[in-house]
Amino acid sequence: MENNETTIIAKDAIPMVPIPGHRKKKIKGFLFLTIWMYIGIRFFVVDIDALFFDKYVNFDIRLYVLIRFFFSIIILMFTWIYFGNKRFWKNIGWFVLFPLYPLLTTILKSSLWGIPKYFVEKNKQGLLFNYFDILIAFLFNFKKTIAKFSLELFLYENQLVV
């Protein structure tokens, strides 16, 4: 006869296995953050590579910048050839928009979807109407301000301002 015993395992004894997608996002986020910090330091503080080559290596900085540009283009081309699919361009776009992308998606998801959903669930049609009215007014004023600023900048650069 077989022994069919059931053993109860405590909930704390079950090992938690991390979900691979979350680990991949964390690694990608860390990599993008590191690269963005390097780029930020290069543009706004000091060009680390150029400073190193100028100080310790007898090398023309203009030639170094040109070589670095072509090297970056070659790396991008080989990466595209190797990973050339929609996900590659999605990751490039995610890298370019990295500092803004996670924050903006969270804000837009909660404000454009979460708030109206809450108003509908709580049967607050007046607040829902006011919310959309304020949102449309904000977008209109924002576009008007950007247009004014662009026109003033254009006029200033063309010396048409009296």
N, C-alpha and C. Protein backbone atom coordinates (compact mmCIF):
# COMPACT_ATOMS: atom_id res chain seq x y z
N MET A 1 0.82 -1.16 0.00
CA MET A 1 0.00 0.00 0.00
C MET A 1 0.88 1.25 0.00
N GLU A 2 0.43 2.27 -0.76
CA GLU A 2 1.22 3.49 -0.86
C GLU A 2 0.92 4.43 0.29
N ASN A 3 1.92 5.20 0.65
CA ASN A 3 1.78 6.17 1.72
C ASN A 3 1.47 7.54 1.11
N ASN A 4 0.24 7.97 1.19
CA ASN A 4 -0.18 9.25 0.62
C ASN A 4 -0.36 10.27 1.75
N GLU A 5 0.75 10.81 2.22
CA GLU A 5 0.67 11.81 3.28
C GLU A 5 0.80 13.20 2.67
N THR A 6 0.06 14.10 3.23
CA THR A 6 0.12 15.49 2.78
C THR A 6 0.89 16.28 3.83
N THR A 7 1.88 17.01 3.36
CA THR A 7 2.65 17.85 4.28
C THR A 7 2.30 19.30 4.02
N ILE A 8 2.17 20.03 5.07
CA ILE A 8 1.85 21.45 4.98
C ILE A 8 3.14 22.23 5.17
N ILE A 9 3.40 23.11 4.21
CA ILE A 9 4.61 23.93 4.24
C ILE A 9 4.20 25.34 4.65
N ALA A 10 5.00 25.89 5.54
CA ALA A 10 4.72 27.26 5.98
C ALA A 10 4.92 28.21 4.81
N LYS A 11 4.15 29.29 4.81
CA LYS A 11 4.21 30.25 3.71
C LYS A 11 5.60 30.89 3.62
N ASP A 12 6.26 31.10 4.75
CA ASP A 12 7.58 31.71 4.76
C ASP A 12 8.66 30.77 4.23
N ALA A 13 8.40 29.48 4.22
CA ALA A 13 9.40 28.51 3.79
C ALA A 13 9.47 28.39 2.26
N ILE A 14 8.48 28.93 1.56
CA ILE A 14 8.47 28.84 0.10
C ILE A 14 9.44 29.89 -0.45
N PRO A 15 10.42 29.46 -1.23
CA PRO A 15 11.38 30.45 -1.77
C PRO A 15 10.70 31.33 -2.81
N MET A 16 10.96 32.61 -2.73
CA MET A 16 10.40 33.56 -3.68
C MET A 16 11.32 33.66 -4.89
N VAL A 17 10.81 33.32 -6.03
CA VAL A 17 11.58 33.38 -7.27
C VAL A 17 11.22 34.69 -7.96
N PRO A 18 12.22 35.56 -8.21
CA PRO A 18 11.89 36.83 -8.86
C PRO A 18 11.42 36.60 -10.30
N ILE A 19 10.51 37.42 -10.73
CA ILE A 19 9.98 37.32 -12.08
C ILE A 19 11.05 37.84 -13.04
N PRO A 20 11.39 37.07 -14.08
CA PRO A 20 12.47 37.48 -14.98
C PRO A 20 12.25 38.84 -15.63
N GLY A 21 11.02 39.21 -15.95
CA GLY A 21 10.76 40.48 -16.61
C GLY A 21 11.13 41.66 -15.72
N HIS A 22 10.84 41.55 -14.43
CA HIS A 22 11.17 42.64 -13.51
C HIS A 22 12.68 42.78 -13.37
N ARG A 23 13.40 41.68 -13.32
CA ARG A 23 14.85 41.73 -13.22
C ARG A 23 15.44 42.37 -14.47
N LYS A 24 14.90 42.02 -15.61
CA LYS A 24 15.39 42.57 -16.87
C LYS A 24 15.13 44.08 -16.92
N LYS A 25 13.96 44.52 -16.45
CA LYS A 25 13.66 45.95 -16.42
C LYS A 25 14.59 46.69 -15.47
N LYS A 26 14.88 46.08 -14.32
CA LYS A 26 15.78 46.72 -13.36
C LYS A 26 17.19 46.84 -13.92
N ILE A 27 17.65 45.79 -14.59
CA ILE A 27 18.99 45.83 -15.19
C ILE A 27 19.03 46.88 -16.29
N LYS A 28 17.98 46.91 -17.12
CA LYS A 28 17.93 47.90 -18.20
C LYS A 28 17.86 49.31 -17.63
N GLY A 29 17.06 49.50 -16.59
CA GLY A 29 16.96 50.82 -15.95
C GLY A 29 18.29 51.25 -15.34
N PHE A 30 18.99 50.33 -14.68
CA PHE A 30 20.29 50.66 -14.10
C PHE A 30 21.30 51.00 -15.19
N LEU A 31 21.31 50.22 -16.27
CA LEU A 31 22.23 50.49 -17.37
C LEU A 31 21.94 51.84 -18.00
N PHE A 32 20.67 52.13 -18.26
CA PHE A 32 20.31 53.41 -18.87
C PHE A 32 20.63 54.56 -17.93
N LEU A 33 20.38 54.40 -16.63
CA LEU A 33 20.68 55.45 -15.67
C LEU A 33 22.18 55.72 -15.63
N THR A 34 23.00 54.68 -15.66
CA THR A 34 24.45 54.85 -15.65
C THR A 34 24.91 55.59 -16.90
N ILE A 35 24.41 55.20 -18.05
CA ILE A 35 24.81 55.87 -19.28
C ILE A 35 24.32 57.32 -19.29
N TRP A 36 23.10 57.56 -18.81
CA TRP A 36 22.60 58.93 -18.76
C TRP A 36 23.40 59.79 -17.79
N MET A 37 23.84 59.22 -16.68
CA MET A 37 24.68 59.98 -15.75
C MET A 37 26.00 60.34 -16.41
N TYR A 38 26.59 59.40 -17.13
CA TYR A 38 27.84 59.66 -17.85
C TYR A 38 27.64 60.78 -18.87
N ILE A 39 26.54 60.69 -19.64
CA ILE A 39 26.27 61.72 -20.65
C ILE A 39 26.01 63.07 -19.98
N GLY A 40 25.26 63.08 -18.89
CA GLY A 40 24.99 64.32 -18.18
C GLY A 40 26.26 64.96 -17.64
N ILE A 41 27.14 64.16 -17.07
CA ILE A 41 28.41 64.69 -16.58
C ILE A 41 29.24 65.22 -17.73
N ARG A 42 29.23 64.51 -18.84
CA ARG A 42 30.01 64.96 -20.00
C ARG A 42 29.50 66.28 -20.54
N PHE A 43 28.19 66.45 -20.63
CA PHE A 43 27.65 67.67 -21.23
C PHE A 43 27.62 68.84 -20.27
N PHE A 44 27.29 68.62 -19.01
CA PHE A 44 27.05 69.73 -18.11
C PHE A 44 28.19 70.01 -17.13
N VAL A 45 29.06 69.05 -16.88
CA VAL A 45 30.15 69.29 -15.93
C VAL A 45 31.47 69.35 -16.68
N VAL A 46 31.94 68.20 -17.15
CA VAL A 46 33.22 68.15 -17.86
C VAL A 46 33.20 66.92 -18.76
N ASP A 47 33.82 67.05 -19.92
CA ASP A 47 33.95 65.91 -20.82
C ASP A 47 35.10 65.05 -20.29
N ILE A 48 34.74 63.99 -19.60
CA ILE A 48 35.71 63.17 -18.89
C ILE A 48 36.75 62.59 -19.85
N ASP A 49 36.28 62.05 -20.96
CA ASP A 49 37.20 61.43 -21.91
C ASP A 49 38.16 62.46 -22.50
N ALA A 50 37.62 63.61 -22.93
CA ALA A 50 38.47 64.64 -23.54
C ALA A 50 39.46 65.18 -22.53
N LEU A 51 39.04 65.33 -21.28
CA LEU A 51 39.95 65.80 -20.24
C LEU A 51 41.08 64.80 -20.02
N PHE A 52 40.74 63.52 -20.00
CA PHE A 52 41.75 62.48 -19.84
C PHE A 52 42.74 62.50 -21.00
N PHE A 53 42.23 62.54 -22.24
CA PHE A 53 43.12 62.53 -23.40
C PHE A 53 43.93 63.81 -23.50
N ASP A 54 43.37 64.92 -23.09
CA ASP A 54 44.10 66.18 -23.15
C ASP A 54 45.22 66.22 -22.12
N LYS A 55 44.96 65.63 -20.95
CA LYS A 55 45.93 65.73 -19.86
C LYS A 55 47.01 64.64 -19.91
N TYR A 56 46.61 63.40 -20.21
CA TYR A 56 47.54 62.28 -20.06
C TYR A 56 48.04 61.69 -21.38
N VAL A 57 47.35 61.95 -22.47
CA VAL A 57 47.74 61.38 -23.75
C VAL A 57 47.97 62.53 -24.72
N ASN A 58 49.06 62.49 -25.42
CA ASN A 58 49.37 63.54 -26.39
C ASN A 58 48.58 63.25 -27.66
N PHE A 59 47.32 63.76 -27.68
CA PHE A 59 46.39 63.42 -28.76
C PHE A 59 45.51 64.63 -29.02
N ASP A 60 45.24 64.90 -30.30
CA ASP A 60 44.40 66.04 -30.66
C ASP A 60 42.95 65.76 -30.26
N ILE A 61 42.35 66.69 -29.53
CA ILE A 61 41.00 66.51 -29.03
C ILE A 61 39.98 66.44 -30.17
N ARG A 62 40.16 67.25 -31.20
CA ARG A 62 39.20 67.23 -32.31
C ARG A 62 39.20 65.88 -33.01
N LEU A 63 40.38 65.31 -33.19
CA LEU A 63 40.47 63.98 -33.80
C LEU A 63 39.84 62.93 -32.89
N TYR A 64 40.04 63.06 -31.59
CA TYR A 64 39.45 62.12 -30.64
C TYR A 64 37.92 62.19 -30.70
N VAL A 65 37.35 63.39 -30.73
CA VAL A 65 35.89 63.54 -30.78
C VAL A 65 35.36 62.94 -32.08
N LEU A 66 36.04 63.14 -33.18
CA LEU A 66 35.63 62.56 -34.46
C LEU A 66 35.68 61.03 -34.42
N ILE A 67 36.76 60.48 -33.87
CA ILE A 67 36.89 59.03 -33.76
C ILE A 67 35.81 58.47 -32.83
N ARG A 68 35.53 59.16 -31.73
CA ARG A 68 34.50 58.72 -30.80
C ARG A 68 33.12 58.72 -31.47
N PHE A 69 32.84 59.75 -32.28
CA PHE A 69 31.57 59.80 -32.99
C PHE A 69 31.43 58.63 -33.96
N PHE A 70 32.45 58.37 -34.78
CA PHE A 70 32.39 57.26 -35.73
C PHE A 70 32.33 55.91 -35.02
N PHE A 71 33.05 55.79 -33.92
CA PHE A 71 33.01 54.55 -33.14
C PHE A 71 31.61 54.31 -32.59
N SER A 72 30.96 55.37 -32.11
CA SER A 72 29.59 55.23 -31.60
C SER A 72 28.62 54.84 -32.71
N ILE A 73 28.79 55.41 -33.90
CA ILE A 73 27.94 55.07 -35.03
C ILE A 73 28.16 53.61 -35.43
N ILE A 74 29.40 53.17 -35.43
CA ILE A 74 29.70 51.78 -35.80
C ILE A 74 29.09 50.82 -34.77
N ILE A 75 29.19 51.14 -33.49
CA ILE A 75 28.58 50.29 -32.46
C ILE A 75 27.07 50.23 -32.66
N LEU A 76 26.44 51.38 -32.93
CA LEU A 76 25.01 51.41 -33.17
C LEU A 76 24.64 50.57 -34.39
N MET A 77 25.41 50.65 -35.47
CA MET A 77 25.13 49.87 -36.67
C MET A 77 25.25 48.37 -36.41
N PHE A 78 26.34 47.95 -35.75
CA PHE A 78 26.50 46.52 -35.46
C PHE A 78 25.42 46.01 -34.51
N THR A 79 25.03 46.84 -33.55
CA THR A 79 23.96 46.44 -32.64
C THR A 79 22.66 46.29 -33.41
N TRP A 80 22.42 47.20 -34.34
CA TRP A 80 21.20 47.13 -35.13
C TRP A 80 21.22 45.90 -36.04
N ILE A 81 22.38 45.59 -36.62
CA ILE A 81 22.48 44.41 -37.47
C ILE A 81 22.23 43.14 -36.65
N TYR A 82 22.76 43.10 -35.43
CA TYR A 82 22.63 41.92 -34.61
C TYR A 82 21.23 41.79 -34.02
N PHE A 83 20.69 42.91 -33.49
CA PHE A 83 19.38 42.89 -32.85
C PHE A 83 18.32 43.61 -33.68
N GLY A 84 18.49 43.71 -34.97
CA GLY A 84 17.64 44.55 -35.82
C GLY A 84 16.19 44.13 -35.87
N ASN A 85 15.42 44.54 -34.91
CA ASN A 85 13.99 44.27 -34.92
C ASN A 85 13.26 45.43 -34.26
N LYS A 86 11.96 45.31 -34.07
CA LYS A 86 11.19 46.39 -33.46
C LYS A 86 11.64 46.66 -32.02
N ARG A 87 12.03 45.63 -31.32
CA ARG A 87 12.44 45.81 -29.94
C ARG A 87 13.71 46.68 -29.84
N PHE A 88 14.59 46.57 -30.83
CA PHE A 88 15.80 47.39 -30.84
C PHE A 88 15.43 48.87 -30.88
N TRP A 89 14.54 49.26 -31.79
CA TRP A 89 14.16 50.67 -31.90
C TRP A 89 13.36 51.11 -30.69
N LYS A 90 12.59 50.19 -30.11
CA LYS A 90 11.85 50.52 -28.89
C LYS A 90 12.84 50.80 -27.75
N ASN A 91 13.89 49.99 -27.64
CA ASN A 91 14.88 50.21 -26.60
C ASN A 91 15.68 51.49 -26.84
N ILE A 92 15.96 51.81 -28.10
CA ILE A 92 16.66 53.07 -28.40
C ILE A 92 15.78 54.24 -27.99
N GLY A 93 14.50 54.17 -28.33
CA GLY A 93 13.58 55.23 -27.93
C GLY A 93 13.45 55.31 -26.42
N TRP A 94 13.42 54.16 -25.76
CA TRP A 94 13.33 54.15 -24.30
C TRP A 94 14.59 54.75 -23.68
N PHE A 95 15.75 54.48 -24.30
CA PHE A 95 17.01 55.06 -23.80
C PHE A 95 17.01 56.57 -23.96
N VAL A 96 16.56 57.06 -25.11
CA VAL A 96 16.57 58.50 -25.35
C VAL A 96 15.61 59.20 -24.40
N LEU A 97 14.47 58.60 -24.14
CA LEU A 97 13.46 59.20 -23.28
C LEU A 97 13.55 58.72 -21.84
N PHE A 98 14.64 58.05 -21.46
CA PHE A 98 14.69 57.36 -20.17
C PHE A 98 14.37 58.24 -18.97
N PRO A 99 14.98 59.39 -18.81
CA PRO A 99 14.66 60.13 -17.58
C PRO A 99 13.20 60.54 -17.52
N LEU A 100 12.57 60.76 -18.65
CA LEU A 100 11.19 61.23 -18.66
C LEU A 100 10.18 60.09 -18.78
N TYR A 101 10.54 59.03 -19.46
CA TYR A 101 9.58 57.99 -19.82
C TYR A 101 8.89 57.35 -18.61
N PRO A 102 9.61 56.83 -17.62
CA PRO A 102 8.90 56.19 -16.50
C PRO A 102 8.06 57.18 -15.71
N LEU A 103 8.57 58.38 -15.50
CA LEU A 103 7.84 59.38 -14.73
C LEU A 103 6.60 59.84 -15.48
N LEU A 104 6.75 60.15 -16.77
CA LEU A 104 5.61 60.63 -17.54
C LEU A 104 4.53 59.58 -17.70
N THR A 105 4.92 58.32 -17.92
CA THR A 105 3.89 57.29 -18.07
C THR A 105 3.12 57.10 -16.77
N THR A 106 3.79 57.18 -15.64
CA THR A 106 3.10 57.05 -14.36
C THR A 106 2.14 58.22 -14.14
N ILE A 107 2.61 59.43 -14.41
CA ILE A 107 1.77 60.62 -14.22
C ILE A 107 0.59 60.60 -15.18
N LEU A 108 0.87 60.32 -16.46
CA LEU A 108 -0.21 60.33 -17.44
C LEU A 108 -1.22 59.21 -17.19
N LYS A 109 -0.72 58.04 -16.80
CA LYS A 109 -1.63 56.92 -16.53
C LYS A 109 -2.55 57.25 -15.36
N SER A 110 -1.99 57.86 -14.31
CA SER A 110 -2.84 58.15 -13.15
C SER A 110 -3.76 59.33 -13.41
N SER A 111 -3.27 60.36 -14.12
CA SER A 111 -4.11 61.55 -14.30
C SER A 111 -5.10 61.39 -15.45
N LEU A 112 -4.68 60.79 -16.55
CA LEU A 112 -5.59 60.68 -17.70
C LEU A 112 -6.51 59.47 -17.62
N TRP A 113 -6.17 58.50 -16.78
CA TRP A 113 -7.02 57.32 -16.68
C TRP A 113 -7.53 57.10 -15.27
N GLY A 114 -6.68 57.26 -14.29
CA GLY A 114 -7.06 56.95 -12.91
C GLY A 114 -8.06 57.92 -12.32
N ILE A 115 -7.84 59.21 -12.54
CA ILE A 115 -8.74 60.21 -11.95
C ILE A 115 -10.14 60.14 -12.58
N PRO A 116 -10.26 60.14 -13.92
CA PRO A 116 -11.62 60.00 -14.47
C PRO A 116 -12.30 58.69 -14.08
N LYS A 117 -11.53 57.62 -13.98
CA LYS A 117 -12.11 56.33 -13.57
C LYS A 117 -12.66 56.43 -12.14
N TYR A 118 -11.92 57.10 -11.28
CA TYR A 118 -12.38 57.29 -9.90
C TYR A 118 -13.68 58.09 -9.88
N PHE A 119 -13.74 59.19 -10.67
CA PHE A 119 -14.95 60.01 -10.71
C PHE A 119 -16.15 59.23 -11.23
N VAL A 120 -15.94 58.38 -12.22
CA VAL A 120 -17.04 57.58 -12.78
C VAL A 120 -17.50 56.55 -11.74
N GLU A 121 -16.53 55.89 -11.06
CA GLU A 121 -16.90 54.89 -10.06
C GLU A 121 -17.67 55.50 -8.90
N LYS A 122 -17.31 56.71 -8.51
CA LYS A 122 -17.96 57.37 -7.37
C LYS A 122 -19.18 58.19 -7.79
N ASN A 123 -19.52 58.13 -9.08
CA ASN A 123 -20.70 58.80 -9.61
C ASN A 123 -20.63 60.31 -9.39
N LYS A 124 -19.48 60.89 -9.72
CA LYS A 124 -19.23 62.33 -9.56
C LYS A 124 -19.10 62.96 -10.95
N GLN A 125 -20.20 63.08 -11.67
CA GLN A 125 -20.17 63.59 -13.04
C GLN A 125 -19.77 65.07 -13.08
N GLY A 126 -20.18 65.84 -12.08
CA GLY A 126 -19.81 67.26 -12.05
C GLY A 126 -18.30 67.44 -11.95
N LEU A 127 -17.67 66.66 -11.07
CA LEU A 127 -16.21 66.72 -10.94
C LEU A 127 -15.53 66.21 -12.20
N LEU A 128 -16.10 65.20 -12.83
CA LEU A 128 -15.54 64.67 -14.08
C LEU A 128 -15.59 65.74 -15.17
N PHE A 129 -16.70 66.45 -15.28
CA PHE A 129 -16.82 67.52 -16.26
C PHE A 129 -15.80 68.61 -15.98
N ASN A 130 -15.69 69.04 -14.70
CA ASN A 130 -14.72 70.08 -14.34
C ASN A 130 -13.28 69.62 -14.60
N TYR A 131 -13.01 68.34 -14.35
CA TYR A 131 -11.67 67.81 -14.59
C TYR A 131 -11.30 67.94 -16.06
N PHE A 132 -12.20 67.50 -16.95
CA PHE A 132 -11.92 67.59 -18.37
C PHE A 132 -11.86 69.05 -18.84
N ASP A 133 -12.68 69.91 -18.27
CA ASP A 133 -12.64 71.33 -18.62
C ASP A 133 -11.30 71.94 -18.24
N ILE A 134 -10.81 71.64 -17.06
CA ILE A 134 -9.51 72.16 -16.62
C ILE A 134 -8.39 71.58 -17.47
N LEU A 135 -8.48 70.31 -17.79
CA LEU A 135 -7.45 69.67 -18.62
C LEU A 135 -7.38 70.30 -20.01
N ILE A 136 -8.54 70.53 -20.62
CA ILE A 136 -8.56 71.15 -21.96
C ILE A 136 -8.06 72.59 -21.88
N ALA A 137 -8.44 73.34 -20.85
CA ALA A 137 -7.95 74.71 -20.70
C ALA A 137 -6.44 74.74 -20.50
N PHE A 138 -5.92 73.80 -19.71
CA PHE A 138 -4.47 73.73 -19.51
C PHE A 138 -3.74 73.46 -20.81
N LEU A 139 -4.23 72.48 -21.58
CA LEU A 139 -3.57 72.17 -22.85
C LEU A 139 -3.64 73.35 -23.82
N PHE A 140 -4.77 74.05 -23.87
CA PHE A 140 -4.90 75.20 -24.74
C PHE A 140 -3.92 76.30 -24.33
N ASN A 141 -3.87 76.62 -23.04
CA ASN A 141 -2.94 77.66 -22.56
C ASN A 141 -1.49 77.25 -22.75
N PHE A 142 -1.19 75.97 -22.57
CA PHE A 142 0.18 75.50 -22.75
C PHE A 142 0.61 75.66 -24.21
N LYS A 143 -0.26 75.27 -25.13
CA LYS A 143 0.06 75.42 -26.56
C LYS A 143 0.19 76.90 -26.93
N LYS A 144 -0.67 77.76 -26.37
CA LYS A 144 -0.59 79.19 -26.66
C LYS A 144 0.72 79.77 -26.12
N THR A 145 1.13 79.37 -24.94
CA THR A 145 2.38 79.86 -24.36
C THR A 145 3.58 79.40 -25.18
N ILE A 146 3.58 78.15 -25.61
CA ILE A 146 4.68 77.64 -26.43
C ILE A 146 4.74 78.38 -27.76
N ALA A 147 3.58 78.66 -28.37
CA ALA A 147 3.55 79.40 -29.64
C ALA A 147 4.08 80.82 -29.46
N LYS A 148 3.68 81.49 -28.36
CA LYS A 148 4.18 82.85 -28.10
C LYS A 148 5.69 82.84 -27.90
N PHE A 149 6.16 81.89 -27.10
CA PHE A 149 7.60 81.80 -26.84
C PHE A 149 8.37 81.53 -28.12
N SER A 150 7.87 80.63 -28.94
CA SER A 150 8.54 80.31 -30.21
C SER A 150 8.57 81.51 -31.13
N LEU A 151 7.48 82.25 -31.21
CA LEU A 151 7.42 83.44 -32.05
C LEU A 151 8.38 84.50 -31.55
N GLU A 152 8.41 84.73 -30.23
CA GLU A 152 9.34 85.72 -29.69
C GLU A 152 10.79 85.30 -29.91
N LEU A 153 11.08 84.03 -29.76
CA LEU A 153 12.44 83.54 -30.01
C LEU A 153 12.81 83.70 -31.48
N PHE A 154 11.87 83.37 -32.37
CA PHE A 154 12.11 83.53 -33.81
C PHE A 154 12.36 84.99 -34.15
N LEU A 155 11.53 85.89 -33.62
CA LEU A 155 11.70 87.32 -33.90
C LEU A 155 13.00 87.85 -33.32
N TYR A 156 13.36 87.39 -32.15
CA TYR A 156 14.60 87.84 -31.53
C TYR A 156 15.81 87.39 -32.33
N GLU A 157 15.80 86.15 -32.79
CA GLU A 157 16.94 85.64 -33.54
C GLU A 157 17.06 86.30 -34.90
N ASN A 158 15.97 86.71 -35.47
CA ASN A 158 16.01 87.40 -36.77
C ASN A 158 16.09 88.90 -36.63
N GLN A 159 16.27 89.38 -35.42
CA GLN A 159 16.43 90.81 -35.12
C GLN A 159 15.26 91.64 -35.65
N LEU A 160 14.05 91.12 -35.55
CA LEU A 160 12.88 91.84 -35.99
C LEU A 160 12.18 92.54 -34.82
N VAL A 161 12.69 92.31 -33.60
CA VAL A 161 12.10 92.94 -32.43
C VAL A 161 12.61 94.38 -32.34
N VAL A 162 11.70 95.32 -32.14
CA VAL A 162 12.09 96.74 -32.06
C VAL A 162 12.46 97.07 -30.65
